[in-house]
Amino acid sequence: MVDRTDIDRERVRSQLMKRRGELLERESATKEARDPVELDQARLGRLSRMDALQSQALAQDVERRRKIELQRIDAALGRIEAGEYGYCLNCGEAIPIARLEFDPAVATCVDCAR
């Protein structure tokens, strides 16, 4: 692979680090919502427990997606450090700049993403 000079790696690294920081901040903000729901029938009615369980499931799904995005960001930062950023992990072709600007953590070209 030839080093891509059409990518401002420092700007991309800065964007990725900013997004990473935002995601890490959200982790602590949603921790309580992901905690186990207390099923004490004396304290909560059936509908309240159902609402609490639904909120917990939603918070757990949000957390799962947040972790996936963090993994994608960390992988992109690793590719920047290795000088492999901007190339498709599947076919090795250059990923179009517009795709990288839309999602700096993207790892595949459009054809391989299909």
Protein backbone atom coordinates (compact mmCIF):
# COMPACT_ATOMS: atom_id res chain seq x y z
CA MET A 1 0.00 0.00 0.00
CA VAL A 2 1.14 3.46 -0.88
CA ASP A 3 0.78 6.07 1.86
CA ARG A 4 -2.29 8.23 1.21
CA THR A 5 -1.40 11.91 1.18
CA ASP A 6 -5.01 12.98 0.58
CA ILE A 7 -5.97 12.29 4.22
CA ASP A 8 -5.29 14.68 7.09
CA ARG A 9 -4.49 12.01 9.67
CA GLU A 10 -4.18 14.46 12.56
CA ARG A 11 -7.65 15.88 11.88
CA VAL A 12 -9.10 12.37 11.63
CA ARG A 13 -7.31 11.28 14.82
CA SER A 14 -8.69 14.35 16.59
CA GLN A 15 -12.25 13.61 15.41
CA LEU A 16 -11.97 9.99 16.50
CA MET A 17 -10.54 10.90 19.92
CA LYS A 18 -13.31 13.47 20.47
CA ARG A 19 -16.01 10.92 19.63
CA ARG A 20 -14.27 8.33 21.83
CA GLY A 21 -14.34 10.76 24.76
CA GLU A 22 -18.07 11.42 24.23
CA LEU A 23 -18.80 7.70 24.25
CA LEU A 24 -16.79 7.12 27.41
CA GLU A 25 -18.68 9.93 29.16
CA ARG A 26 -21.99 8.28 28.29
CA GLU A 27 -20.90 5.01 29.85
CA SER A 28 -21.06 6.35 33.38
CA ALA A 29 -24.24 8.32 32.67
CA THR A 30 -26.18 5.20 31.69
CA LYS A 31 -24.76 2.77 34.25
CA GLU A 32 -27.67 3.06 36.67
CA ALA A 33 -30.20 2.37 33.91
CA ARG A 34 -28.36 -0.86 33.03
CA ASP A 35 -28.31 -2.15 36.61
CA PRO A 36 -30.55 -5.12 37.47
CA VAL A 37 -34.19 -4.26 38.08
CA GLU A 38 -35.44 -4.99 41.57
CA LEU A 39 -38.56 -7.12 41.30
CA ASP A 40 -39.97 -6.41 44.74
CA GLN A 41 -43.73 -6.62 44.19
CA ALA A 42 -44.44 -4.69 47.34
CA ARG A 43 -42.58 -1.64 46.01
CA LEU A 44 -43.48 -1.65 42.33
CA GLY A 45 -46.64 -2.55 40.50
CA ARG A 46 -46.57 -4.93 37.54
CA LEU A 47 -46.63 -2.13 34.94
CA SER A 48 -43.88 -0.23 36.72
CA ARG A 49 -41.71 -3.37 36.72
CA MET A 50 -42.42 -3.89 33.02
CA ASP A 51 -41.42 -0.29 32.33
CA ALA A 52 -38.26 -0.72 34.39
CA LEU A 53 -37.36 -3.95 32.56
CA GLN A 54 -37.98 -2.31 29.20
CA SER A 55 -35.83 0.69 30.15
CA GLN A 56 -33.09 -1.66 31.34
CA ALA A 57 -33.16 -3.63 28.07
CA LEU A 58 -32.97 -0.40 26.07
CA ALA A 59 -30.05 0.88 28.15
CA GLN A 60 -28.22 -2.44 27.72
CA ASP A 61 -28.70 -2.28 23.94
CA VAL A 62 -27.41 1.29 23.85
CA GLU A 63 -24.39 0.16 25.87
CA ARG A 64 -23.74 -2.73 23.48
CA ARG A 65 -23.81 -0.36 20.48
CA ARG A 66 -21.58 2.13 22.32
CA LYS A 67 -18.99 -0.60 22.92
CA ILE A 68 -19.08 -1.62 19.26
CA GLU A 69 -18.50 1.98 18.19
CA LEU A 70 -15.61 2.29 20.65
CA GLN A 71 -14.06 -0.86 19.14
CA ARG A 72 -14.43 0.59 15.63
CA ILE A 73 -12.82 3.85 16.75
CA ASP A 74 -9.93 2.07 18.47
CA ALA A 75 -9.37 -0.06 15.35
CA ALA A 76 -9.34 3.07 13.15
CA LEU A 77 -6.83 4.75 15.48
CA GLY A 78 -4.68 1.62 15.23
CA ARG A 79 -4.84 1.75 11.42
CA ILE A 80 -3.77 5.40 11.53
CA GLU A 81 -0.76 4.51 13.67
CA ALA A 82 0.14 1.59 11.38
CA GLY A 83 -0.16 3.75 8.25
CA GLU A 84 -3.01 1.60 6.94
CA TYR A 85 -5.84 4.07 7.43
CA GLY A 86 -8.02 4.74 4.40
CA TYR A 87 -7.72 1.31 2.84
CA CYS A 88 -10.41 -1.38 2.78
CA LEU A 89 -9.66 -4.24 5.14
CA ASN A 90 -11.22 -6.74 2.71
CA CYS A 91 -9.93 -5.81 -0.75
CA GLY A 92 -7.11 -3.37 0.07
CA GLU A 93 -8.42 -0.66 -2.24
CA ALA A 94 -8.51 2.99 -1.16
CA ILE A 95 -11.73 4.00 0.58
CA PRO A 96 -13.20 7.16 -1.01
CA ILE A 97 -12.55 10.33 0.98
CA ALA A 98 -16.28 11.14 1.16
CA ARG A 99 -16.94 7.80 2.88
CA LEU A 100 -14.15 8.43 5.38
CA GLU A 101 -15.42 11.94 6.09
CA PHE A 102 -18.93 10.60 6.73
CA ASP A 103 -17.63 7.90 9.09
CA PRO A 104 -13.93 8.19 10.01
CA ALA A 105 -14.02 4.74 11.66
CA VAL A 106 -15.21 2.95 8.51
CA ALA A 107 -13.03 -0.05 7.62
CA THR A 108 -14.36 -1.15 4.23
CA CYS A 109 -15.13 0.30 0.84
CA VAL A 110 -18.72 0.49 -0.37
CA ASP A 111 -18.43 -2.63 -2.53
CA CYS A 112 -17.11 -4.78 0.31
CA ALA A 113 -19.64 -3.35 2.78
CA ARG A 114 -22.47 -4.75 0.67
